[in-house]
Amino acid sequence: MPATAVTLVSVSRTKSEIRAVNNIVVLVIFAIVAVIILVQLYSVLGRKVGFRVEDKVLAKTGDDVDGKLQLERPAEPPKFPNLDVLKARDVNFNEINFVEKARETYEQVVLAFHRGELDTVKDRLTETVYGSFAKAVEAREGAAVTTRLSFVETPKADIDVIDFKDDTAQIRVRFLSELLYEAEATEADAKPEKTYRRTAEYWTFQKGMKSPANPWLLARVEAAKA
């Protein structure tokens, strides 16, 4: 074979090998690109399949200034269904002020009853309650009050029920308190004997709704569970 022919054959083989290598490189590049695309698709779509309950959210509300979505929560029923009715009939009623006034009445009546001085709180009691308390005070006449009564802490007061009977509104308040009875010392250097007693009672206050000037009066006293 002439030298020229040998040279041509060698060049032809070299070009074929170069094209084969180029084709392999192209295939490798396409394979890498395909793998990258598949990985990206999986990272976006492959994490969650289907609908999950925890994915359910409500639309943003007008108060959502931070743009956060609020999870759905069931509406809570009103604690006192008749509270709005009471406020509609007595526009000056405020439950916080009422509880404070009721607590004040509770403290004053308890102390006045212990001392036998019901006349000082008569304007806060209905005739029925005043009569009942007065009989109890009369029953212990002749027995001198030898103990001093005080509250260990401020009594706890919470509205329990709001109700209506005809034109009369009634509010039952639950009181929890701890009382301190201090007996008078029999000797000059003796320490007074102290007795502590916890009480739980329902006090029902009522008010005639025909006039906003009518006061809230104590109408009933019942024992309650501590």
C-alpha atoms as a PDB file:
ATOM      1  CA  MET A   1       0.000   0.000   0.000  1.00  0.00           C
ATOM      2  CA  PRO A   2       1.375   3.398  -0.940  1.00  0.00           C
ATOM      3  CA  ALA A   3       2.292   5.792   1.877  1.00  0.00           C
ATOM      4  CA  THR A   4      -0.287   8.359   0.719  1.00  0.00           C
ATOM      5  CA  ALA A   5      -3.127   5.852   1.079  1.00  0.00           C
ATOM      6  CA  VAL A   6      -1.960   4.887   4.557  1.00  0.00           C
ATOM      7  CA  THR A   7      -1.991   8.521   5.609  1.00  0.00           C
ATOM      8  CA  LEU A   8      -5.559   9.052   4.324  1.00  0.00           C
ATOM      9  CA  VAL A   9      -6.824   5.996   6.172  1.00  0.00           C
ATOM     10  CA  SER A  10      -5.230   7.196   9.422  1.00  0.00           C
ATOM     11  CA  VAL A  11      -6.764  10.668   9.106  1.00  0.00           C
ATOM     12  CA  SER A  12     -10.199   9.168   8.378  1.00  0.00           C
ATOM     13  CA  ARG A  13      -9.998   6.966  11.473  1.00  0.00           C
ATOM     14  CA  THR A  14      -8.947   9.914  13.646  1.00  0.00           C
ATOM     15  CA  LYS A  15     -11.931  12.006  12.536  1.00  0.00           C
ATOM     16  CA  SER A  16     -14.333   9.132  13.223  1.00  0.00           C
ATOM     17  CA  GLU A  17     -12.917   8.683  16.732  1.00  0.00           C
ATOM     18  CA  ILE A  18     -13.228  12.418  17.416  1.00  0.00           C
ATOM     19  CA  ARG A  19     -16.887  12.423  16.318  1.00  0.00           C
ATOM     20  CA  ALA A  20     -17.589   9.405  18.542  1.00  0.00           C
ATOM     21  CA  VAL A  21     -15.999  11.115  21.547  1.00  0.00           C
ATOM     22  CA  ASN A  22     -17.979  14.292  20.848  1.00  0.00           C
ATOM     23  CA  ASN A  23     -21.200  12.321  20.705  1.00  0.00           C
ATOM     24  CA  ILE A  24     -20.422  10.675  24.047  1.00  0.00           C
ATOM     25  CA  VAL A  25     -19.690  14.062  25.650  1.00  0.00           C
ATOM     26  CA  VAL A  26     -22.987  15.464  24.345  1.00  0.00           C
ATOM     27  CA  LEU A  27     -24.897  12.471  25.735  1.00  0.00           C
ATOM     28  CA  VAL A  28     -23.224  12.863  29.122  1.00  0.00           C
ATOM     29  CA  ILE A  29     -24.128  16.573  29.220  1.00  0.00           C
ATOM     30  CA  PHE A  30     -27.764  15.840  28.320  1.00  0.00           C
ATOM     31  CA  ALA A  31     -27.878  13.153  31.021  1.00  0.00           C
ATOM     32  CA  ILE A  32     -26.558  15.584  33.671  1.00  0.00           C
ATOM     33  CA  VAL A  33     -29.096  18.229  32.644  1.00  0.00           C
ATOM     34  CA  ALA A  34     -31.936  15.678  32.800  1.00  0.00           C
ATOM     35  CA  VAL A  35     -30.885  14.575  36.277  1.00  0.00           C
ATOM     36  CA  ILE A  36     -30.812  18.197  37.506  1.00  0.00           C
ATOM     37  CA  ILE A  37     -34.292  18.857  36.093  1.00  0.00           C
ATOM     38  CA  LEU A  38     -35.698  15.708  37.722  1.00  0.00           C
ATOM     39  CA  VAL A  39     -34.202  16.630  41.083  1.00  0.00           C
ATOM     40  CA  GLN A  40     -35.753  20.120  40.896  1.00  0.00           C
ATOM     41  CA  LEU A  41     -39.156  18.710  39.961  1.00  0.00           C
ATOM     42  CA  TYR A  42     -39.048  16.248  42.840  1.00  0.00           C
ATOM     43  CA  SER A  43     -38.094  18.966  45.318  1.00  0.00           C
ATOM     44  CA  VAL A  44     -41.156  20.992  44.297  1.00  0.00           C
ATOM     45  CA  LEU A  45     -43.793  18.346  43.602  1.00  0.00           C
ATOM     46  CA  GLY A  46     -42.577  15.199  45.281  1.00  0.00           C
ATOM     47  CA  ARG A  47     -42.784  16.328  48.933  1.00  0.00           C
ATOM     48  CA  LYS A  48     -46.579  16.500  49.237  1.00  0.00           C
ATOM     49  CA  VAL A  49     -48.952  14.190  47.468  1.00  0.00           C
ATOM     50  CA  GLY A  50     -52.667  14.784  47.909  1.00  0.00           C
ATOM     51  CA  PHE A  51     -54.582  16.941  50.418  1.00  0.00           C
ATOM     52  CA  ARG A  52     -53.913  16.906  54.152  1.00  0.00           C
ATOM     53  CA  VAL A  53     -56.205  18.260  56.873  1.00  0.00           C
ATOM     54  CA  GLU A  54     -53.487  20.428  58.385  1.00  0.00           C
ATOM     55  CA  ASP A  55     -53.092  22.210  55.033  1.00  0.00           C
ATOM     56  CA  LYS A  56     -56.573  23.747  55.344  1.00  0.00           C
ATOM     57  CA  VAL A  57     -56.457  27.438  56.243  1.00  0.00           C
ATOM     58  CA  LEU A  58     -58.877  30.299  56.160  1.00  0.00           C
ATOM     59  CA  ALA A  59     -58.582  33.362  54.015  1.00  0.00           C
ATOM     60  CA  LYS A  60     -56.789  36.339  55.563  1.00  0.00           C
ATOM     61  CA  THR A  61     -58.912  38.562  57.754  1.00  0.00           C
ATOM     62  CA  GLY A  62     -58.954  42.325  57.758  1.00  0.00           C
ATOM     63  CA  ASP A  63     -57.055  42.420  61.067  1.00  0.00           C
ATOM     64  CA  ASP A  64     -54.190  40.334  59.663  1.00  0.00           C
ATOM     65  CA  VAL A  65     -51.735  43.179  59.173  1.00  0.00           C
ATOM     66  CA  ASP A  66     -48.778  40.776  59.067  1.00  0.00           C
ATOM     67  CA  GLY A  67     -50.288  38.777  56.216  1.00  0.00           C
ATOM     68  CA  LYS A  68     -50.472  35.570  58.253  1.00  0.00           C
ATOM     69  CA  LEU A  69     -53.178  33.025  57.636  1.00  0.00           C
ATOM     70  CA  GLN A  70     -55.426  32.060  60.548  1.00  0.00           C
ATOM     71  CA  LEU A  71     -56.391  28.474  61.264  1.00  0.00           C
ATOM     72  CA  GLU A  72     -60.106  27.786  61.573  1.00  0.00           C
ATOM     73  CA  ARG A  73     -61.381  27.750  65.178  1.00  0.00           C
ATOM     74  CA  PRO A  74     -64.900  26.967  66.386  1.00  0.00           C
ATOM     75  CA  ALA A  75     -66.812  29.910  67.800  1.00  0.00           C
ATOM     76  CA  GLU A  76     -67.184  29.907  71.585  1.00  0.00           C
ATOM     77  CA  PRO A  77     -70.688  30.312  73.015  1.00  0.00           C
ATOM     78  CA  PRO A  78     -71.247  33.361  75.243  1.00  0.00           C
ATOM     79  CA  LYS A  79     -70.562  32.682  78.928  1.00  0.00           C
ATOM     80  CA  PHE A  80     -73.652  34.582  80.087  1.00  0.00           C
ATOM     81  CA  PRO A  81     -76.412  34.442  77.449  1.00  0.00           C
ATOM     82  CA  ASN A  82     -78.478  37.101  79.270  1.00  0.00           C
ATOM     83  CA  LEU A  83     -75.657  39.617  79.668  1.00  0.00           C
ATOM     84  CA  ASP A  84     -76.462  41.421  76.418  1.00  0.00           C
ATOM     85  CA  VAL A  85     -80.143  41.506  77.347  1.00  0.00           C
ATOM     86  CA  LEU A  86     -79.298  43.040  80.707  1.00  0.00           C
ATOM     87  CA  LYS A  87     -77.084  45.680  79.108  1.00  0.00           C
ATOM     88  CA  ALA A  88     -79.827  46.512  76.627  1.00  0.00           C
ATOM     89  CA  ARG A  89     -82.290  47.102  79.459  1.00  0.00           C
ATOM     90  CA  ASP A  90     -79.786  48.833  81.727  1.00  0.00           C
ATOM     91  CA  VAL A  91     -77.372  50.839  79.573  1.00  0.00           C
ATOM     92  CA  ASN A  92     -75.294  51.802  82.614  1.00  0.00           C
ATOM     93  CA  PHE A  93     -74.599  48.210  83.664  1.00  0.00           C
ATOM     94  CA  ASN A  94     -70.965  47.107  83.711  1.00  0.00           C
ATOM     95  CA  GLU A  95     -70.149  43.598  84.888  1.00  0.00           C
ATOM     96  CA  ILE A  96     -66.713  44.548  86.258  1.00  0.00           C
ATOM     97  CA  ASN A  97     -68.099  47.398  88.352  1.00  0.00           C
ATOM     98  CA  PHE A  98     -70.976  45.186  89.479  1.00  0.00           C
ATOM     99  CA  VAL A  99     -68.624  42.473  90.782  1.00  0.00           C
ATOM    100  CA  GLU A 100     -66.589  45.034  92.722  1.00  0.00           C
ATOM    101  CA  LYS A 101     -69.735  46.513  94.305  1.00  0.00           C
ATOM    102  CA  ALA A 102     -71.027  43.018  95.114  1.00  0.00           C
ATOM    103  CA  ARG A 103     -67.716  42.129  96.777  1.00  0.00           C
ATOM    104  CA  GLU A 104     -67.878  45.330  98.828  1.00  0.00           C
ATOM    105  CA  THR A 105     -71.434  44.503  99.924  1.00  0.00           C
ATOM    106  CA  TYR A 106     -70.391  40.951 100.818  1.00  0.00           C
ATOM    107  CA  GLU A 107     -67.578  42.132 103.085  1.00  0.00           C
ATOM    108  CA  GLN A 108     -69.681  44.791 104.816  1.00  0.00           C
ATOM    109  CA  VAL A 109     -72.706  42.541 105.375  1.00  0.00           C
ATOM    110  CA  VAL A 110     -70.607  39.672 106.769  1.00  0.00           C
ATOM    111  CA  LEU A 111     -68.858  41.977 109.255  1.00  0.00           C
ATOM    112  CA  ALA A 112     -72.088  43.792 110.205  1.00  0.00           C
ATOM    113  CA  PHE A 113     -73.893  40.491 110.806  1.00  0.00           C
ATOM    114  CA  HIS A 114     -71.064  39.280 113.037  1.00  0.00           C
ATOM    115  CA  ARG A 115     -71.183  42.457 115.133  1.00  0.00           C
ATOM    116  CA  GLY A 116     -74.993  42.525 115.178  1.00  0.00           C
ATOM    117  CA  GLU A 117     -75.114  45.893 113.422  1.00  0.00           C
ATOM    118  CA  LEU A 118     -77.473  45.159 110.535  1.00  0.00           C
ATOM    119  CA  ASP A 119     -78.865  48.682 110.420  1.00  0.00           C
ATOM    120  CA  THR A 120     -75.601  49.846 108.812  1.00  0.00           C
ATOM    121  CA  VAL A 121     -76.255  47.645 105.757  1.00  0.00           C
ATOM    122  CA  LYS A 122     -80.050  47.593 105.736  1.00  0.00           C
ATOM    123  CA  ASP A 123     -80.173  49.603 102.495  1.00  0.00           C
ATOM    124  CA  ARG A 124     -78.361  46.776 100.687  1.00  0.00           C
ATOM    125  CA  LEU A 125     -80.755  44.000 101.680  1.00  0.00           C
ATOM    126  CA  THR A 126     -84.255  43.072 100.618  1.00  0.00           C
ATOM    127  CA  GLU A 127     -86.880  43.049 103.353  1.00  0.00           C
ATOM    128  CA  THR A 128     -86.898  39.241 103.374  1.00  0.00           C
ATOM    129  CA  VAL A 129     -83.130  38.911 103.840  1.00  0.00           C
ATOM    130  CA  TYR A 130     -83.016  41.675 106.432  1.00  0.00           C
ATOM    131  CA  GLY A 131     -85.780  39.994 108.421  1.00  0.00           C
ATOM    132  CA  SER A 132     -84.002  36.636 108.304  1.00  0.00           C
ATOM    133  CA  PHE A 133     -80.673  38.115 109.404  1.00  0.00           C
ATOM    134  CA  ALA A 134     -82.351  40.152 112.160  1.00  0.00           C
ATOM    135  CA  LYS A 135     -83.958  37.019 113.635  1.00  0.00           C
ATOM    136  CA  ALA A 136     -80.577  35.284 113.686  1.00  0.00           C
ATOM    137  CA  VAL A 137     -79.023  38.256 115.495  1.00  0.00           C
ATOM    138  CA  GLU A 138     -81.896  38.350 118.019  1.00  0.00           C
ATOM    139  CA  ALA A 139     -81.478  34.637 118.695  1.00  0.00           C
ATOM    140  CA  ARG A 140     -77.971  35.197 120.005  1.00  0.00           C
ATOM    141  CA  GLU A 141     -78.870  38.186 122.176  1.00  0.00           C
ATOM    142  CA  GLY A 142     -77.320  37.980 125.615  1.00  0.00           C
ATOM    143  CA  ALA A 143     -74.240  36.273 124.216  1.00  0.00           C
ATOM    144  CA  ALA A 144     -71.597  38.957 123.923  1.00  0.00           C
ATOM    145  CA  VAL A 145     -69.451  38.956 120.798  1.00  0.00           C
ATOM    146  CA  THR A 146     -66.031  37.991 122.115  1.00  0.00           C
ATOM    147  CA  THR A 147     -64.298  37.402 118.782  1.00  0.00           C
ATOM    148  CA  ARG A 148     -63.048  39.820 116.204  1.00  0.00           C
ATOM    149  CA  LEU A 149     -63.777  38.877 112.596  1.00  0.00           C
ATOM    150  CA  SER A 150     -61.677  39.842 109.589  1.00  0.00           C
ATOM    151  CA  PHE A 151     -60.925  38.623 106.071  1.00  0.00           C
ATOM    152  CA  VAL A 152     -57.543  36.987 105.535  1.00  0.00           C
ATOM    153  CA  GLU A 153     -57.503  38.086 101.886  1.00  0.00           C
ATOM    154  CA  THR A 154     -59.837  39.887  99.536  1.00  0.00           C
ATOM    155  CA  PRO A 155     -62.766  37.537  98.816  1.00  0.00           C
ATOM    156  CA  LYS A 156     -62.927  36.047  95.347  1.00  0.00           C
ATOM    157  CA  ALA A 157     -66.114  36.956  93.471  1.00  0.00           C
ATOM    158  CA  ASP A 158     -67.404  35.647  90.129  1.00  0.00           C
ATOM    159  CA  ILE A 159     -70.731  36.013  88.359  1.00  0.00           C
ATOM    160  CA  ASP A 160     -72.421  32.611  88.143  1.00  0.00           C
ATOM    161  CA  VAL A 161     -75.881  33.192  86.602  1.00  0.00           C
ATOM    162  CA  ILE A 162     -77.821  36.125  85.121  1.00  0.00           C
ATOM    163  CA  ASP A 163     -81.577  35.665  85.030  1.00  0.00           C
ATOM    164  CA  PHE A 164     -84.832  37.601  84.743  1.00  0.00           C
ATOM    165  CA  LYS A 165     -88.167  37.244  86.531  1.00  0.00           C
ATOM    166  CA  ASP A 166     -90.732  39.565  85.042  1.00  0.00           C
ATOM    167  CA  ASP A 167     -89.305  43.079  85.488  1.00  0.00           C
ATOM    168  CA  THR A 168     -86.623  41.988  87.962  1.00  0.00           C
ATOM    169  CA  ALA A 169     -83.065  41.122  87.013  1.00  0.00           C
ATOM    170  CA  GLN A 170     -81.185  38.647  89.190  1.00  0.00           C
ATOM    171  CA  ILE A 171     -77.460  37.975  89.288  1.00  0.00           C
ATOM    172  CA  ARG A 172     -76.015  35.139  91.345  1.00  0.00           C
ATOM    173  CA  VAL A 173     -72.426  35.677  92.488  1.00  0.00           C
ATOM    174  CA  ARG A 174     -70.136  32.987  93.897  1.00  0.00           C
ATOM    175  CA  PHE A 175     -67.950  34.150  96.786  1.00  0.00           C
ATOM    176  CA  LEU A 176     -64.912  32.316  98.154  1.00  0.00           C
ATOM    177  CA  SER A 177     -63.299  33.720 101.285  1.00  0.00           C
ATOM    178  CA  GLU A 178     -61.184  32.835 104.275  1.00  0.00           C
ATOM    179  CA  LEU A 179     -62.251  34.298 107.615  1.00  0.00           C
ATOM    180  CA  LEU A 180     -60.137  34.870 110.700  1.00  0.00           C
ATOM    181  CA  TYR A 181     -61.778  34.721 114.134  1.00  0.00           C
ATOM    182  CA  GLU A 182     -59.616  36.127 116.930  1.00  0.00           C
ATOM    183  CA  ALA A 183     -60.843  35.423 120.463  1.00  0.00           C
ATOM    184  CA  GLU A 184     -60.131  37.985 123.165  1.00  0.00           C
ATOM    185  CA  ALA A 185     -57.279  37.029 125.464  1.00  0.00           C
ATOM    186  CA  THR A 186     -58.352  36.184 129.037  1.00  0.00           C
ATOM    187  CA  GLU A 187     -55.043  37.286 130.472  1.00  0.00           C
ATOM    188  CA  ALA A 188     -53.034  40.427 129.858  1.00  0.00           C
ATOM    189  CA  ASP A 189     -49.971  38.657 128.470  1.00  0.00           C
ATOM    190  CA  ALA A 190     -51.830  35.855 126.682  1.00  0.00           C
ATOM    191  CA  LYS A 191     -52.030  35.697 122.908  1.00  0.00           C
ATOM    192  CA  PRO A 192     -55.521  35.739 121.336  1.00  0.00           C
ATOM    193  CA  GLU A 193     -56.747  32.414 120.005  1.00  0.00           C
ATOM    194  CA  LYS A 194     -57.068  32.418 116.224  1.00  0.00           C
ATOM    195  CA  THR A 195     -59.432  30.304 114.159  1.00  0.00           C
ATOM    196  CA  TYR A 196     -59.497  30.196 110.354  1.00  0.00           C
ATOM    197  CA  ARG A 197     -62.545  29.187 108.345  1.00  0.00           C
ATOM    198  CA  ARG A 198     -63.053  29.023 104.603  1.00  0.00           C
ATOM    199  CA  THR A 199     -66.497  29.706 103.169  1.00  0.00           C
ATOM    200  CA  ALA A 200     -68.141  29.328  99.764  1.00  0.00           C
ATOM    201  CA  GLU A 201     -71.527  30.914  99.177  1.00  0.00           C
ATOM    202  CA  TYR A 202     -73.882  32.028  96.421  1.00  0.00           C
ATOM    203  CA  TRP A 203     -75.334  35.497  96.919  1.00  0.00           C
ATOM    204  CA  THR A 204     -78.153  36.516  94.600  1.00  0.00           C
ATOM    205  CA  PHE A 205     -78.638  40.228  93.955  1.00  0.00           C
ATOM    206  CA  GLN A 206     -81.762  41.602  92.302  1.00  0.00           C
ATOM    207  CA  LYS A 207     -82.825  44.888  90.767  1.00  0.00           C
ATOM    208  CA  GLY A 208     -86.154  46.197  89.506  1.00  0.00           C
ATOM    209  CA  MET A 209     -85.739  47.144  85.862  1.00  0.00           C
ATOM    210  CA  LYS A 210     -88.580  49.647  85.696  1.00  0.00           C
ATOM    211  CA  SER A 211     -86.271  52.401  86.921  1.00  0.00           C
ATOM    212  CA  PRO A 212     -82.507  52.640  86.316  1.00  0.00           C
ATOM    213  CA  ALA A 213     -82.174  54.293  89.731  1.00  0.00           C
ATOM    214  CA  ASN A 214     -83.200  51.112  91.565  1.00  0.00           C
ATOM    215  CA  PRO A 215     -80.304  49.612  93.552  1.00  0.00           C
ATOM    216  CA  TRP A 216     -79.030  46.042  93.502  1.00  0.00           C
ATOM    217  CA  LEU A 217     -80.167  44.343  96.726  1.00  0.00           C
ATOM    218  CA  LEU A 218     -79.162  41.047  98.307  1.00  0.00           C
ATOM    219  CA  ALA A 219     -82.156  38.729  97.883  1.00  0.00           C
ATOM    220  CA  ARG A 220     -80.838  35.241  98.719  1.00  0.00           C
ATOM    221  CA  VAL A 221     -77.863  33.466 100.348  1.00  0.00           C
ATOM    222  CA  GLU A 222     -77.043  29.814  99.583  1.00  0.00           C
ATOM    223  CA  ALA A 223     -74.179  27.487 100.348  1.00  0.00           C
ATOM    224  CA  ALA A 224     -71.818  26.676  97.475  1.00  0.00           C
ATOM    225  CA  LYS A 225     -69.113  24.102  96.875  1.00  0.00           C
ATOM    226  CA  ALA A 226     -65.610  25.351  97.562  1.00  0.00           C
END
